[in-house]
PDB file of N, CA and C in Angstrom:
ATOM      1  N   MET A   1     -13.764   8.922   7.471  1.00  0.00           N
ATOM      2  CA  MET A   1     -13.917   8.493   6.707  1.00  0.00           C
ATOM      3  C   MET A   1     -12.634   9.084   5.888  1.00  0.00           C
ATOM      4  N   ILE A   2     -12.383   8.681   4.858  1.00  0.00           N
ATOM      5  CA  ILE A   2     -11.218   9.031   4.183  1.00  0.00           C
ATOM      6  C   ILE A   2     -11.871   9.764   2.578  1.00  0.00           C
ATOM      7  N   ASP A   3     -11.127  11.495   2.738  1.00  0.00           N
ATOM      8  CA  ASP A   3     -11.872  12.426   1.818  1.00  0.00           C
ATOM      9  C   ASP A   3     -11.507  11.895   0.327  1.00  0.00           C
ATOM     10  N   GLU A   4     -11.834  12.756  -0.646  1.00  0.00           N
ATOM     11  CA  GLU A   4     -11.914  12.478  -1.919  1.00  0.00           C
ATOM     12  C   GLU A   4     -10.655  12.272  -2.812  1.00  0.00           C
ATOM     13  N   THR A   5      -9.365  13.438  -1.937  1.00  0.00           N
ATOM     14  CA  THR A   5      -8.404  13.382  -2.440  1.00  0.00           C
ATOM     15  C   THR A   5      -7.546  12.179  -1.951  1.00  0.00           C
ATOM     16  N   GLN A   6      -7.913  11.576  -1.070  1.00  0.00           N
ATOM     17  CA  GLN A   6      -7.070  10.605  -0.171  1.00  0.00           C
ATOM     18  C   GLN A   6      -7.877   9.430  -1.020  1.00  0.00           C
ATOM     19  N   LYS A   7      -8.972   9.465  -1.479  1.00  0.00           N
ATOM     20  CA  LYS A   7      -9.448   8.098  -2.406  1.00  0.00           C
ATOM     21  C   LYS A   7      -8.703   8.367  -3.557  1.00  0.00           C
ATOM     22  N   LYS A   8      -8.273   9.221  -4.266  1.00  0.00           N
ATOM     23  CA  LYS A   8      -8.103   9.408  -5.551  1.00  0.00           C
ATOM     24  C   LYS A   8      -6.491   9.175  -5.627  1.00  0.00           C
ATOM     25  N   GLN A   9      -5.888   9.238  -4.437  1.00  0.00           N
ATOM     26  CA  GLN A   9      -4.297   8.904  -4.265  1.00  0.00           C
ATOM     27  C   GLN A   9      -4.393   7.356  -4.128  1.00  0.00           C
ATOM     28  N   ILE A  10      -5.484   6.671  -3.195  1.00  0.00           N
ATOM     29  CA  ILE A  10      -5.002   5.362  -3.220  1.00  0.00           C
ATOM     30  C   ILE A  10      -5.316   4.552  -4.234  1.00  0.00           C
ATOM     31  N   GLU A  11      -6.321   5.032  -5.180  1.00  0.00           N
ATOM     32  CA  GLU A  11      -6.518   4.417  -6.585  1.00  0.00           C
ATOM     33  C   GLU A  11      -5.537   4.457  -7.467  1.00  0.00           C
ATOM     34  N   VAL A  12      -4.772   5.671  -7.455  1.00  0.00           N
ATOM     35  CA  VAL A  12      -3.410   6.084  -7.939  1.00  0.00           C
ATOM     36  C   VAL A  12      -2.043   4.615  -7.294  1.00  0.00           C
ATOM     37  N   ILE A  13      -2.214   4.597  -6.275  1.00  0.00           N
ATOM     38  CA  ILE A  13      -0.970   3.398  -5.490  1.00  0.00           C
ATOM     39  C   ILE A  13      -1.638   2.223  -5.645  1.00  0.00           C
ATOM     40  N   ALA A  14      -3.054   1.843  -6.040  1.00  0.00           N
ATOM     41  CA  ALA A  14      -3.245   0.430  -6.270  1.00  0.00           C
ATOM     42  C   ALA A  14      -3.268   0.429  -7.805  1.00  0.00           C
ATOM     43  N   ALA A  15      -3.414   1.041  -8.637  1.00  0.00           N
ATOM     44  CA  ALA A  15      -3.164   1.277 -10.044  1.00  0.00           C
ATOM     45  C   ALA A  15      -1.894   0.929 -10.063  1.00  0.00           C
ATOM     46  N   ALA A  16      -0.234   1.519  -9.899  1.00  0.00           N
ATOM     47  CA  ALA A  16       0.644   1.168  -9.470  1.00  0.00           C
ATOM     48  C   ALA A  16       1.013   0.083  -9.076  1.00  0.00           C
ATOM     49  N   MET A  17       0.357  -0.475  -7.925  1.00  0.00           N
ATOM     50  CA  MET A  17       0.570  -2.143  -7.557  1.00  0.00           C
ATOM     51  C   MET A  17       0.286  -2.994  -8.340  1.00  0.00           C
ATOM     52  N   LEU A  18      -1.165  -3.074  -9.308  1.00  0.00           N
ATOM     53  CA  LEU A  18      -1.256  -3.564 -10.059  1.00  0.00           C
ATOM     54  C   LEU A  18      -0.427  -3.802 -11.568  1.00  0.00           C
ATOM     55  N   ASP A  19      -0.199  -2.400 -11.667  1.00  0.00           N
ATOM     56  CA  ASP A  19       0.853  -2.291 -12.727  1.00  0.00           C
ATOM     57  C   ASP A  19       2.177  -3.392 -13.121  1.00  0.00           C
ATOM     58  N   LYS A  20       2.460  -3.610 -11.574  1.00  0.00           N
ATOM     59  CA  LYS A  20       3.615  -4.349 -11.647  1.00  0.00           C
ATOM     60  C   LYS A  20       3.300  -5.998 -11.196  1.00  0.00           C
ATOM     61  N   LYS A  21       1.936  -6.139 -11.208  1.00  0.00           N
ATOM     62  CA  LYS A  21       1.278  -7.503 -10.835  1.00  0.00           C
ATOM     63  C   LYS A  21       1.439  -8.030  -9.471  1.00  0.00           C
ATOM     64  N   ALA A  22       0.978  -6.917  -8.528  1.00  0.00           N
ATOM     65  CA  ALA A  22       0.877  -7.346  -7.005  1.00  0.00           C
ATOM     66  C   ALA A  22      -0.358  -8.081  -6.966  1.00  0.00           C
ATOM     67  N   LYS A  23      -0.167  -8.919  -5.768  1.00  0.00           N
ATOM     68  CA  LYS A  23      -1.193  -9.458  -5.336  1.00  0.00           C
ATOM     69  C   LYS A  23      -1.983  -9.204  -4.193  1.00  0.00           C
ATOM     70  N   ASN A  24      -3.479  -9.766  -4.085  1.00  0.00           N
ATOM     71  CA  ASN A  24      -3.966  -8.855  -2.658  1.00  0.00           C
ATOM     72  C   ASN A  24      -3.834  -7.651  -2.634  1.00  0.00           C
ATOM     73  N   VAL A  25      -4.205  -6.612  -3.489  1.00  0.00           N
ATOM     74  CA  VAL A  25      -4.199  -5.378  -2.940  1.00  0.00           C
ATOM     75  C   VAL A  25      -5.416  -4.741  -2.517  1.00  0.00           C
ATOM     76  N   VAL A  26      -4.970  -4.222  -1.420  1.00  0.00           N
ATOM     77  CA  VAL A  26      -6.098  -3.917  -0.367  1.00  0.00           C
ATOM     78  C   VAL A  26      -5.886  -2.594   0.085  1.00  0.00           C
ATOM     79  N   ALA A  27      -7.232  -1.565   0.156  1.00  0.00           N
ATOM     80  CA  ALA A  27      -6.775  -0.411   1.024  1.00  0.00           C
ATOM     81  C   ALA A  27      -7.611  -0.608   2.443  1.00  0.00           C
ATOM     82  N   MET A  28      -7.181   0.136   3.393  1.00  0.00           N
ATOM     83  CA  MET A  28      -8.176   0.131   4.794  1.00  0.00           C
ATOM     84  C   MET A  28      -8.128   1.205   5.220  1.00  0.00           C
ATOM     85  N   ASP A  29      -9.681   1.679   5.619  1.00  0.00           N
ATOM     86  CA  ASP A  29      -9.880   3.259   5.827  1.00  0.00           C
ATOM     87  C   ASP A  29      -9.494   3.166   7.453  1.00  0.00           C
ATOM     88  N   LEU A  30      -8.709   3.486   8.425  1.00  0.00           N
ATOM     89  CA  LEU A  30      -8.389   3.655   9.665  1.00  0.00           C
ATOM     90  C   LEU A  30      -8.941   4.666  10.047  1.00  0.00           C
ATOM     91  N   THR A  31      -9.660   5.502   9.467  1.00  0.00           N
ATOM     92  CA  THR A  31     -10.092   7.167  10.437  1.00  0.00           C
ATOM     93  C   THR A  31     -10.981   7.012  11.379  1.00  0.00           C
ATOM     94  N   ASN A  32     -11.549   5.840  11.396  1.00  0.00           N
ATOM     95  CA  ASN A  32     -12.752   5.252  12.614  1.00  0.00           C
ATOM     96  C   ASN A  32     -12.143   4.750  13.844  1.00  0.00           C
ATOM     97  N   ILE A  33     -10.806   4.488  13.546  1.00  0.00           N
ATOM     98  CA  ILE A  33     -10.127   3.699  14.592  1.00  0.00           C
ATOM     99  C   ILE A  33      -9.304   4.843  15.574  1.00  0.00           C
ATOM    100  N   GLY A  34      -9.744   4.842  16.531  1.00  0.00           N
ATOM    101  CA  GLY A  34      -9.055   5.837  17.449  1.00  0.00           C
ATOM    102  C   GLY A  34      -7.387   5.984  17.684  1.00  0.00           C
ATOM    103  N   THR A  35      -7.060   4.722  17.596  1.00  0.00           N
ATOM    104  CA  THR A  35      -5.505   4.213  18.108  1.00  0.00           C
ATOM    105  C   THR A  35      -4.588   4.059  16.660  1.00  0.00           C
ATOM    106  N   ALA A  36      -5.289   4.556  15.438  1.00  0.00           N
ATOM    107  CA  ALA A  36      -4.799   4.447  14.161  1.00  0.00           C
ATOM    108  C   ALA A  36      -3.533   5.840  13.967  1.00  0.00           C
ATOM    109  N   ILE A  37      -2.252   5.198  13.610  1.00  0.00           N
ATOM    110  CA  ILE A  37      -1.199   6.358  13.226  1.00  0.00           C
ATOM    111  C   ILE A  37      -1.812   6.981  11.866  1.00  0.00           C
ATOM    112  N   THR A  38      -2.545   6.502  11.141  1.00  0.00           N
ATOM    113  CA  THR A  38      -2.647   6.912   9.838  1.00  0.00           C
ATOM    114  C   THR A  38      -4.031   7.113   9.229  1.00  0.00           C
ATOM    115  N   ASP A  39      -4.390   7.764   8.450  1.00  0.00           N
ATOM    116  CA  ASP A  39      -5.975   7.402   7.637  1.00  0.00           C
ATOM    117  C   ASP A  39      -6.000   6.361   7.044  1.00  0.00           C
ATOM    118  N   CYS A  40      -5.037   5.933   6.604  1.00  0.00           N
ATOM    119  CA  CYS A  40      -5.487   4.335   5.611  1.00  0.00           C
ATOM    120  C   CYS A  40      -4.180   3.794   5.163  1.00  0.00           C
ATOM    121  N   PHE A  41      -4.079   2.427   4.728  1.00  0.00           N
ATOM    122  CA  PHE A  41      -3.271   1.486   4.650  1.00  0.00           C
ATOM    123  C   PHE A  41      -3.037   1.048   3.206  1.00  0.00           C
ATOM    124  N   ALA A  42      -2.266   0.959   2.406  1.00  0.00           N
ATOM    125  CA  ALA A  42      -2.632   0.795   1.242  1.00  0.00           C
ATOM    126  C   ALA A  42      -1.832  -0.807   1.040  1.00  0.00           C
ATOM    127  N   ILE A  43      -1.939  -2.388   1.567  1.00  0.00           N
ATOM    128  CA  ILE A  43      -1.230  -3.320   1.244  1.00  0.00           C
ATOM    129  C   ILE A  43      -1.100  -4.007  -0.011  1.00  0.00           C
ATOM    130  N   CYS A  44      -0.188  -4.771  -0.421  1.00  0.00           N
ATOM    131  CA  CYS A  44      -0.182  -5.540  -1.133  1.00  0.00           C
ATOM    132  C   CYS A  44       1.180  -6.928  -0.754  1.00  0.00           C
ATOM    133  N   ASN A  45       1.183  -7.742  -2.009  1.00  0.00           N
ATOM    134  CA  ASN A  45       2.198  -8.789  -1.854  1.00  0.00           C
ATOM    135  C   ASN A  45       2.708  -9.288  -3.083  1.00  0.00           C
ATOM    136  N   ALA A  46       3.909  -9.609  -3.094  1.00  0.00           N
ATOM    137  CA  ALA A  46       4.863  -9.946  -4.367  1.00  0.00           C
ATOM    138  C   ALA A  46       5.870 -11.304  -3.825  1.00  0.00           C
ATOM    139  N   ASP A  47       5.837 -12.269  -5.248  1.00  0.00           N
ATOM    140  CA  ASP A  47       6.497 -13.537  -4.597  1.00  0.00           C
ATOM    141  C   ASP A  47       7.999 -13.441  -4.518  1.00  0.00           C
ATOM    142  N   SER A  48       8.382 -12.256  -4.929  1.00  0.00           N
ATOM    143  CA  SER A  48      10.463 -11.966  -4.769  1.00  0.00           C
ATOM    144  C   SER A  48      10.466 -10.792  -4.411  1.00  0.00           C
ATOM    145  N   THR A  49      11.706 -10.588  -4.241  1.00  0.00           N
ATOM    146  CA  THR A  49      12.082  -9.247  -3.407  1.00  0.00           C
ATOM    147  C   THR A  49      12.478  -8.329  -4.794  1.00  0.00           C
ATOM    148  N   THR A  50      12.781  -8.689  -6.249  1.00  0.00           N
ATOM    149  CA  THR A  50      12.664  -8.043  -7.229  1.00  0.00           C
ATOM    150  C   THR A  50      11.566  -7.184  -7.586  1.00  0.00           C
ATOM    151  N   GLN A  51      10.503  -8.427  -7.205  1.00  0.00           N
ATOM    152  CA  GLN A  51       9.172  -7.519  -7.669  1.00  0.00           C
ATOM    153  C   GLN A  51       8.763  -6.884  -6.494  1.00  0.00           C
ATOM    154  N   VAL A  52       8.900  -6.733  -5.282  1.00  0.00           N
ATOM    155  CA  VAL A  52       8.664  -5.845  -4.190  1.00  0.00           C
ATOM    156  C   VAL A  52       9.278  -4.602  -4.542  1.00  0.00           C
ATOM    157  N   VAL A  53      10.730  -4.423  -4.983  1.00  0.00           N
ATOM    158  CA  VAL A  53      11.449  -3.448  -5.057  1.00  0.00           C
ATOM    159  C   VAL A  53      10.649  -2.547  -6.697  1.00  0.00           C
ATOM    160  N   ALA A  54      10.297  -3.409  -7.682  1.00  0.00           N
ATOM    161  CA  ALA A  54       9.600  -2.939  -8.933  1.00  0.00           C
ATOM    162  C   ALA A  54       8.347  -2.212  -8.467  1.00  0.00           C
ATOM    163  N   ILE A  55       7.117  -2.634  -7.522  1.00  0.00           N
ATOM    164  CA  ILE A  55       6.406  -2.370  -7.088  1.00  0.00           C
ATOM    165  C   ILE A  55       6.314  -1.110  -6.360  1.00  0.00           C
ATOM    166  N   CYS A  56       7.280  -0.987  -5.620  1.00  0.00           N
ATOM    167  CA  CYS A  56       7.580   0.335  -4.778  1.00  0.00           C
ATOM    168  C   CYS A  56       7.989   1.521  -5.354  1.00  0.00           C
ATOM    169  N   ASP A  57       8.934   1.208  -6.552  1.00  0.00           N
ATOM    170  CA  ASP A  57       9.414   2.283  -7.443  1.00  0.00           C
ATOM    171  C   ASP A  57       8.338   2.532  -8.221  1.00  0.00           C
ATOM    172  N   ASN A  58       7.452   2.037  -8.644  1.00  0.00           N
ATOM    173  CA  ASN A  58       6.355   1.762  -9.483  1.00  0.00           C
ATOM    174  C   ASN A  58       5.160   2.975  -8.635  1.00  0.00           C
ATOM    175  N   VAL A  59       4.949   2.980  -7.287  1.00  0.00           N
ATOM    176  CA  VAL A  59       4.198   3.579  -6.433  1.00  0.00           C
ATOM    177  C   VAL A  59       4.616   4.715  -6.063  1.00  0.00           C
ATOM    178  N   MET A  60       6.120   4.880  -6.073  1.00  0.00           N
ATOM    179  CA  MET A  60       6.643   6.351  -5.631  1.00  0.00           C
ATOM    180  C   MET A  60       6.525   6.966  -7.050  1.00  0.00           C
ATOM    181  N   ASP A  61       6.921   6.680  -8.183  1.00  0.00           N
ATOM    182  CA  ASP A  61       6.772   7.161  -9.560  1.00  0.00           C
ATOM    183  C   ASP A  61       5.476   7.673  -9.748  1.00  0.00           C
ATOM    184  N   LYS A  62       4.294   7.017  -9.503  1.00  0.00           N
ATOM    185  CA  LYS A  62       3.146   7.404  -9.572  1.00  0.00           C
ATOM    186  C   LYS A  62       2.642   8.358  -9.136  1.00  0.00           C
ATOM    187  N   MET A  63       3.236   7.962  -7.631  1.00  0.00           N
ATOM    188  CA  MET A  63       2.283   9.081  -6.906  1.00  0.00           C
ATOM    189  C   MET A  63       3.289  10.236  -6.788  1.00  0.00           C
ATOM    190  N   TRP A  64       4.423  10.652  -7.556  1.00  0.00           N
ATOM    191  CA  TRP A  64       4.833  11.815  -7.899  1.00  0.00           C
ATOM    192  C   TRP A  64       4.185  12.672  -9.059  1.00  0.00           C
ATOM    193  N   THR A  65       4.222  11.897 -10.220  1.00  0.00           N
ATOM    194  CA  THR A  65       3.888  12.048 -11.410  1.00  0.00           C
ATOM    195  C   THR A  65       2.230  12.483 -11.408  1.00  0.00           C
ATOM    196  N   GLU A  66       1.432  11.891 -10.610  1.00  0.00           N
ATOM    197  CA  GLU A  66       0.100  12.083 -10.884  1.00  0.00           C
ATOM    198  C   GLU A  66      -0.630  12.751  -9.273  1.00  0.00           C
ATOM    199  N   CYS A  67       0.231  12.367  -8.547  1.00  0.00           N
ATOM    200  CA  CYS A  67      -0.457  13.158  -7.291  1.00  0.00           C
ATOM    201  C   CYS A  67       0.753  14.161  -6.731  1.00  0.00           C
ATOM    202  N   LYS A  68       1.932  14.397  -7.069  1.00  0.00           N
ATOM    203  CA  LYS A  68       2.883  15.193  -6.401  1.00  0.00           C
ATOM    204  C   LYS A  68       3.375  15.067  -5.209  1.00  0.00           C
ATOM    205  N   ARG A  69       3.912  13.975  -4.691  1.00  0.00           N
ATOM    206  CA  ARG A  69       3.318  13.758  -3.785  1.00  0.00           C
ATOM    207  C   ARG A  69       4.734  12.636  -3.546  1.00  0.00           C
ATOM    208  N   ASP A  70       5.709  12.996  -2.348  1.00  0.00           N
ATOM    209  CA  ASP A  70       7.121  12.150  -2.228  1.00  0.00           C
ATOM    210  C   ASP A  70       6.735  11.315  -0.797  1.00  0.00           C
ATOM    211  N   PRO A  71       7.061  10.315  -0.637  1.00  0.00           N
ATOM    212  CA  PRO A  71       6.589   9.740   0.794  1.00  0.00           C
ATOM    213  C   PRO A  71       7.684  10.683   2.077  1.00  0.00           C
ATOM    214  N   ILE A  72       7.383  10.691   2.865  1.00  0.00           N
ATOM    215  CA  ILE A  72       8.022  11.399   3.966  1.00  0.00           C
ATOM    216  C   ILE A  72       9.000  10.491   4.655  1.00  0.00           C
ATOM    217  N   ARG A  73       8.787   9.062   4.542  1.00  0.00           N
ATOM    218  CA  ARG A  73      10.322   8.427   5.324  1.00  0.00           C
ATOM    219  C   ARG A  73       9.763   6.909   4.431  1.00  0.00           C
ATOM    220  N   THR A  74      10.823   6.175   3.850  1.00  0.00           N
ATOM    221  CA  THR A  74      10.566   4.975   3.319  1.00  0.00           C
ATOM    222  C   THR A  74      11.280   4.211   4.516  1.00  0.00           C
ATOM    223  N   GLN A  75      11.055   2.766   4.541  1.00  0.00           N
ATOM    224  CA  GLN A  75      11.680   1.610   5.080  1.00  0.00           C
ATOM    225  C   GLN A  75      11.559   0.324   4.359  1.00  0.00           C
ATOM    226  N   GLY A  76      12.655  -0.384   4.430  1.00  0.00           N
ATOM    227  CA  GLY A  76      12.726  -1.905   4.007  1.00  0.00           C
ATOM    228  C   GLY A  76      13.268  -1.943   2.685  1.00  0.00           C
ATOM    229  N   ARG A  77      13.290  -0.699   1.800  1.00  0.00           N
ATOM    230  CA  ARG A  77      13.674  -1.331   0.423  1.00  0.00           C
ATOM    231  C   ARG A  77      14.966  -2.286   0.075  1.00  0.00           C
ATOM    232  N   GLU A  78      16.035  -1.864   0.961  1.00  0.00           N
ATOM    233  CA  GLU A  78      17.321  -2.248   1.172  1.00  0.00           C
ATOM    234  C   GLU A  78      17.226  -4.181   1.077  1.00  0.00           C
ATOM    235  N   ASN A  79      16.215  -4.923   1.813  1.00  0.00           N
ATOM    236  CA  ASN A  79      16.172  -5.778   1.867  1.00  0.00           C
ATOM    237  C   ASN A  79      14.856  -6.489   0.804  1.00  0.00           C
ATOM    238  N   ALA A  80      14.184  -5.833   0.895  1.00  0.00           N
ATOM    239  CA  ALA A  80      12.744  -5.743   0.220  1.00  0.00           C
ATOM    240  C   ALA A  80      11.848  -6.920   0.756  1.00  0.00           C
ATOM    241  N   PHE A  81      11.909  -7.375   1.809  1.00  0.00           N
ATOM    242  CA  PHE A  81      10.989  -8.408   2.362  1.00  0.00           C
ATOM    243  C   PHE A  81       9.831  -7.721   2.881  1.00  0.00           C
ATOM    244  N   TRP A  82       9.705  -6.303   3.013  1.00  0.00           N
ATOM    245  CA  TRP A  82       8.702  -5.811   3.834  1.00  0.00           C
ATOM    246  C   TRP A  82       9.074  -4.260   3.477  1.00  0.00           C
ATOM    247  N   VAL A  83       8.283  -3.714   2.474  1.00  0.00           N
ATOM    248  CA  VAL A  83       8.783  -2.159   2.491  1.00  0.00           C
ATOM    249  C   VAL A  83       7.642  -1.125   3.021  1.00  0.00           C
ATOM    250  N   ILE A  84       7.930  -0.258   3.469  1.00  0.00           N
ATOM    251  CA  ILE A  84       6.993   0.800   3.739  1.00  0.00           C
ATOM    252  C   ILE A  84       7.209   2.380   3.170  1.00  0.00           C
ATOM    253  N   LEU A  85       6.268   2.858   2.728  1.00  0.00           N
ATOM    254  CA  LEU A  85       6.299   3.812   2.132  1.00  0.00           C
ATOM    255  C   LEU A  85       5.131   4.893   3.207  1.00  0.00           C
ATOM    256  N   ASP A  86       5.627   5.927   3.756  1.00  0.00           N
ATOM    257  CA  ASP A  86       4.788   6.845   4.404  1.00  0.00           C
ATOM    258  C   ASP A  86       4.618   8.082   4.104  1.00  0.00           C
ATOM    259  N   TYR A  87       3.255   8.238   3.638  1.00  0.00           N
ATOM    260  CA  TYR A  87       2.802   9.390   3.187  1.00  0.00           C
ATOM    261  C   TYR A  87       2.461  10.159   3.770  1.00  0.00           C
ATOM    262  N   GLY A  88       2.328  10.130   5.246  1.00  0.00           N
ATOM    263  CA  GLY A  88       1.614  10.751   6.322  1.00  0.00           C
ATOM    264  C   GLY A  88       0.084  10.209   6.574  1.00  0.00           C
ATOM    265  N   ASP A  89      -0.811  10.418   5.567  1.00  0.00           N
ATOM    266  CA  ASP A  89      -2.268   9.976   5.763  1.00  0.00           C
ATOM    267  C   ASP A  89      -2.368   8.598   5.065  1.00  0.00           C
ATOM    268  N   ILE A  90      -1.332   8.332   4.535  1.00  0.00           N
ATOM    269  CA  ILE A  90      -1.266   6.957   3.779  1.00  0.00           C
ATOM    270  C   ILE A  90       0.005   6.589   3.923  1.00  0.00           C
ATOM    271  N   VAL A  91      -0.223   5.594   4.397  1.00  0.00           N
ATOM    272  CA  VAL A  91       0.967   4.261   4.620  1.00  0.00           C
ATOM    273  C   VAL A  91       0.699   3.240   3.643  1.00  0.00           C
ATOM    274  N   VAL A  92       1.594   2.804   2.823  1.00  0.00           N
ATOM    275  CA  VAL A  92       1.966   1.959   1.595  1.00  0.00           C
ATOM    276  C   VAL A  92       2.902   0.897   2.519  1.00  0.00           C
ATOM    277  N   HIS A  93       2.340  -0.615   2.198  1.00  0.00           N
ATOM    278  CA  HIS A  93       3.061  -1.835   2.878  1.00  0.00           C
ATOM    279  C   HIS A  93       3.129  -2.675   1.646  1.00  0.00           C
ATOM    280  N   ILE A  94       4.531  -2.873   1.180  1.00  0.00           N
ATOM    281  CA  ILE A  94       4.556  -3.825  -0.095  1.00  0.00           C
ATOM    282  C   ILE A  94       5.451  -4.970   0.775  1.00  0.00           C
ATOM    283  N   PHE A  95       4.854  -6.259   0.698  1.00  0.00           N
ATOM    284  CA  PHE A  95       5.058  -7.146   1.553  1.00  0.00           C
ATOM    285  C   PHE A  95       5.694  -8.545   0.535  1.00  0.00           C
ATOM    286  N   GLN A  96       6.773  -9.351   0.921  1.00  0.00           N
ATOM    287  CA  GLN A  96       6.918 -10.328   0.132  1.00  0.00           C
ATOM    288  C   GLN A  96       5.760 -11.318   0.721  1.00  0.00           C
ATOM    289  N   THR A  97       5.184 -12.417   0.250  1.00  0.00           N
ATOM    290  CA  THR A  97       4.134 -13.247   0.203  1.00  0.00           C
ATOM    291  C   THR A  97       4.145 -13.736   1.564  1.00  0.00           C
ATOM    292  N   GLU A  98       5.641 -14.374   2.093  1.00  0.00           N
ATOM    293  CA  GLU A  98       5.601 -15.050   3.019  1.00  0.00           C
ATOM    294  C   GLU A  98       5.207 -14.113   4.445  1.00  0.00           C
ATOM    295  N   TYR A  99       5.985 -12.903   4.277  1.00  0.00           N
ATOM    296  CA  TYR A  99       6.063 -11.809   5.421  1.00  0.00           C
ATOM    297  C   TYR A  99       4.587 -11.493   5.393  1.00  0.00           C
ATOM    298  N   ARG A 100       4.102 -11.113   4.657  1.00  0.00           N
ATOM    299  CA  ARG A 100       2.632 -10.536   4.863  1.00  0.00           C
ATOM    300  C   ARG A 100       1.524 -11.600   5.357  1.00  0.00           C
ATOM    301  N   ASP A 101       2.016 -13.022   5.196  1.00  0.00           N
ATOM    302  CA  ASP A 101       1.398 -14.133   5.809  1.00  0.00           C
ATOM    303  C   ASP A 101       1.351 -14.087   7.514  1.00  0.00           C
ATOM    304  N   PHE A 102       2.570 -13.985   7.618  1.00  0.00           N
ATOM    305  CA  PHE A 102       3.426 -13.859   9.041  1.00  0.00           C
ATOM    306  C   PHE A 102       2.742 -12.831  10.000  1.00  0.00           C
ATOM    307  N   TYR A 103       2.623 -11.769   9.426  1.00  0.00           N
ATOM    308  CA  TYR A 103       2.781 -10.151  10.233  1.00  0.00           C
ATOM    309  C   TYR A 103       1.095 -10.141   9.954  1.00  0.00           C
ATOM    310  N   ARG A 104       0.120 -10.719   9.088  1.00  0.00           N
ATOM    311  CA  ARG A 104      -1.314 -10.363   8.829  1.00  0.00           C
ATOM    312  C   ARG A 104      -1.835  -8.959   9.334  1.00  0.00           C
ATOM    313  N   LEU A 105      -1.597  -8.057   8.620  1.00  0.00           N
ATOM    314  CA  LEU A 105      -1.532  -6.413   8.905  1.00  0.00           C
ATOM    315  C   LEU A 105      -3.266  -6.645   9.467  1.00  0.00           C
ATOM    316  N   GLU A 106      -4.151  -7.120   8.371  1.00  0.00           N
ATOM    317  CA  GLU A 106      -5.682  -7.034   8.078  1.00  0.00           C
ATOM    318  C   GLU A 106      -5.856  -7.673   9.502  1.00  0.00           C
ATOM    319  N   ASP A 107      -5.708  -8.653   9.864  1.00  0.00           N
ATOM    320  CA  ASP A 107      -5.935  -9.047  11.157  1.00  0.00           C
ATOM    321  C   ASP A 107      -5.881  -8.097  12.283  1.00  0.00           C
ATOM    322  N   LEU A 108      -4.396  -7.823  12.360  1.00  0.00           N
ATOM    323  CA  LEU A 108      -4.381  -6.758  13.464  1.00  0.00           C
ATOM    324  C   LEU A 108      -5.409  -5.230  13.540  1.00  0.00           C
ATOM    325  N   TRP A 109      -6.021  -4.901  12.069  1.00  0.00           N
ATOM    326  CA  TRP A 109      -6.834  -3.785  12.109  1.00  0.00           C
ATOM    327  C   TRP A 109      -8.189  -4.206  11.378  1.00  0.00           C
ATOM    328  N   SER A 110      -8.573  -5.226  12.056  1.00  0.00           N
ATOM    329  CA  SER A 110      -9.918  -5.985  11.236  1.00  0.00           C
ATOM    330  C   SER A 110     -11.123  -4.847  11.482  1.00  0.00           C
ATOM    331  N   ASP A 111     -11.209  -3.946  12.260  1.00  0.00           N
ATOM    332  CA  ASP A 111     -12.229  -3.191  12.487  1.00  0.00           C
ATOM    333  C   ASP A 111     -11.997  -2.264  10.834  1.00  0.00           C
ATOM    334  N   ALA A 112     -11.405  -2.274  10.354  1.00  0.00           N
ATOM    335  CA  ALA A 112     -11.149  -0.990   9.259  1.00  0.00           C
ATOM    336  C   ALA A 112     -12.191  -1.871   8.352  1.00  0.00           C
ATOM    337  N   GLU A 113     -12.591  -0.608   7.266  1.00  0.00           N
ATOM    338  CA  GLU A 113     -13.222  -0.731   6.301  1.00  0.00           C
ATOM    339  C   GLU A 113     -12.287  -1.218   5.315  1.00  0.00           C
ATOM    340  N   LYS A 114     -12.510  -2.158   4.346  1.00  0.00           N
ATOM    341  CA  LYS A 114     -11.306  -2.591   3.400  1.00  0.00           C
ATOM    342  C   LYS A 114     -12.238  -2.601   2.487  1.00  0.00           C
ATOM    343  N   THR A 115     -11.162  -2.312   1.339  1.00  0.00           N
ATOM    344  CA  THR A 115     -11.485  -2.185  -0.313  1.00  0.00           C
ATOM    345  C   THR A 115     -10.373  -2.855  -0.929  1.00  0.00           C
ATOM    346  N   ASN A 116     -10.971  -3.781  -2.020  1.00  0.00           N
ATOM    347  CA  ASN A 116     -10.312  -4.762  -2.820  1.00  0.00           C
ATOM    348  C   ASN A 116     -10.082  -4.401  -4.058  1.00  0.00           C
ATOM    349  N   PHE A 117      -8.599  -4.406  -4.260  1.00  0.00           N
ATOM    350  CA  PHE A 117      -8.330  -3.891  -6.117  1.00  0.00           C
ATOM    351  C   PHE A 117      -8.097  -5.165  -6.601  1.00  0.00           C
ATOM    352  N   GLU A 118      -8.708  -5.318  -7.837  1.00  0.00           N
ATOM    353  CA  GLU A 118      -8.231  -6.284  -8.742  1.00  0.00           C
ATOM    354  C   GLU A 118      -7.478  -5.826 -10.072  1.00  0.00           C
ATOM    355  N   ASP A 119      -7.212  -6.750 -10.656  1.00  0.00           N
ATOM    356  CA  ASP A 119      -6.616  -6.452 -12.263  1.00  0.00           C
ATOM    357  C   ASP A 119      -7.645  -6.633 -12.996  1.00  0.00           C
ATOM    358  N   ASP A 120      -7.922  -5.438 -14.059  1.00  0.00           N
ATOM    359  CA  ASP A 120      -9.145  -5.959 -14.809  1.00  0.00           C
ATOM    360  C   ASP A 120      -8.782  -7.075 -15.963  1.00  0.00           C
ATOM    361  N   GLU A 121      -7.365  -7.359 -15.822  1.00  0.00           N
ATOM    362  CA  GLU A 121      -7.103  -8.409 -16.886  1.00  0.00           C
ATOM    363  C   GLU A 121      -7.231  -9.867 -16.146  1.00  0.00           C
ATOM    364  N   GLN A 122      -7.693  -9.668 -15.080  1.00  0.00           N
ATOM    365  CA  GLN A 122      -7.624 -11.121 -14.662  1.00  0.00           C
ATOM    366  C   GLN A 122      -8.838 -11.965 -14.990  1.00  0.00           C
TER     367      GLN A 122
END
């Protein structure tokens, strides 16, 4: 089970995603899955590469300003089809919609507990 610090960080990540109009924002708690490489995934999608980059930049900015954390490594920002921000215990996946539909991470990790986040303005 993820701890309170991780919960707060997931909330910061989800809010940063929603600030930039990300779709289908979900967090997956992987702590009870023995083969998981991290404690939690945060996943969203967007319809354009421009929006994927904007979400990525906002997540990194908010994680630094609110949690004092920079990602250990990043992957995919240069083409913005699927960006990964690795914070060690939390891995953020920002997909262009068609790539999220193709890779279906939620199905691969279907045993994980999921939390959906929605924009309050919807």
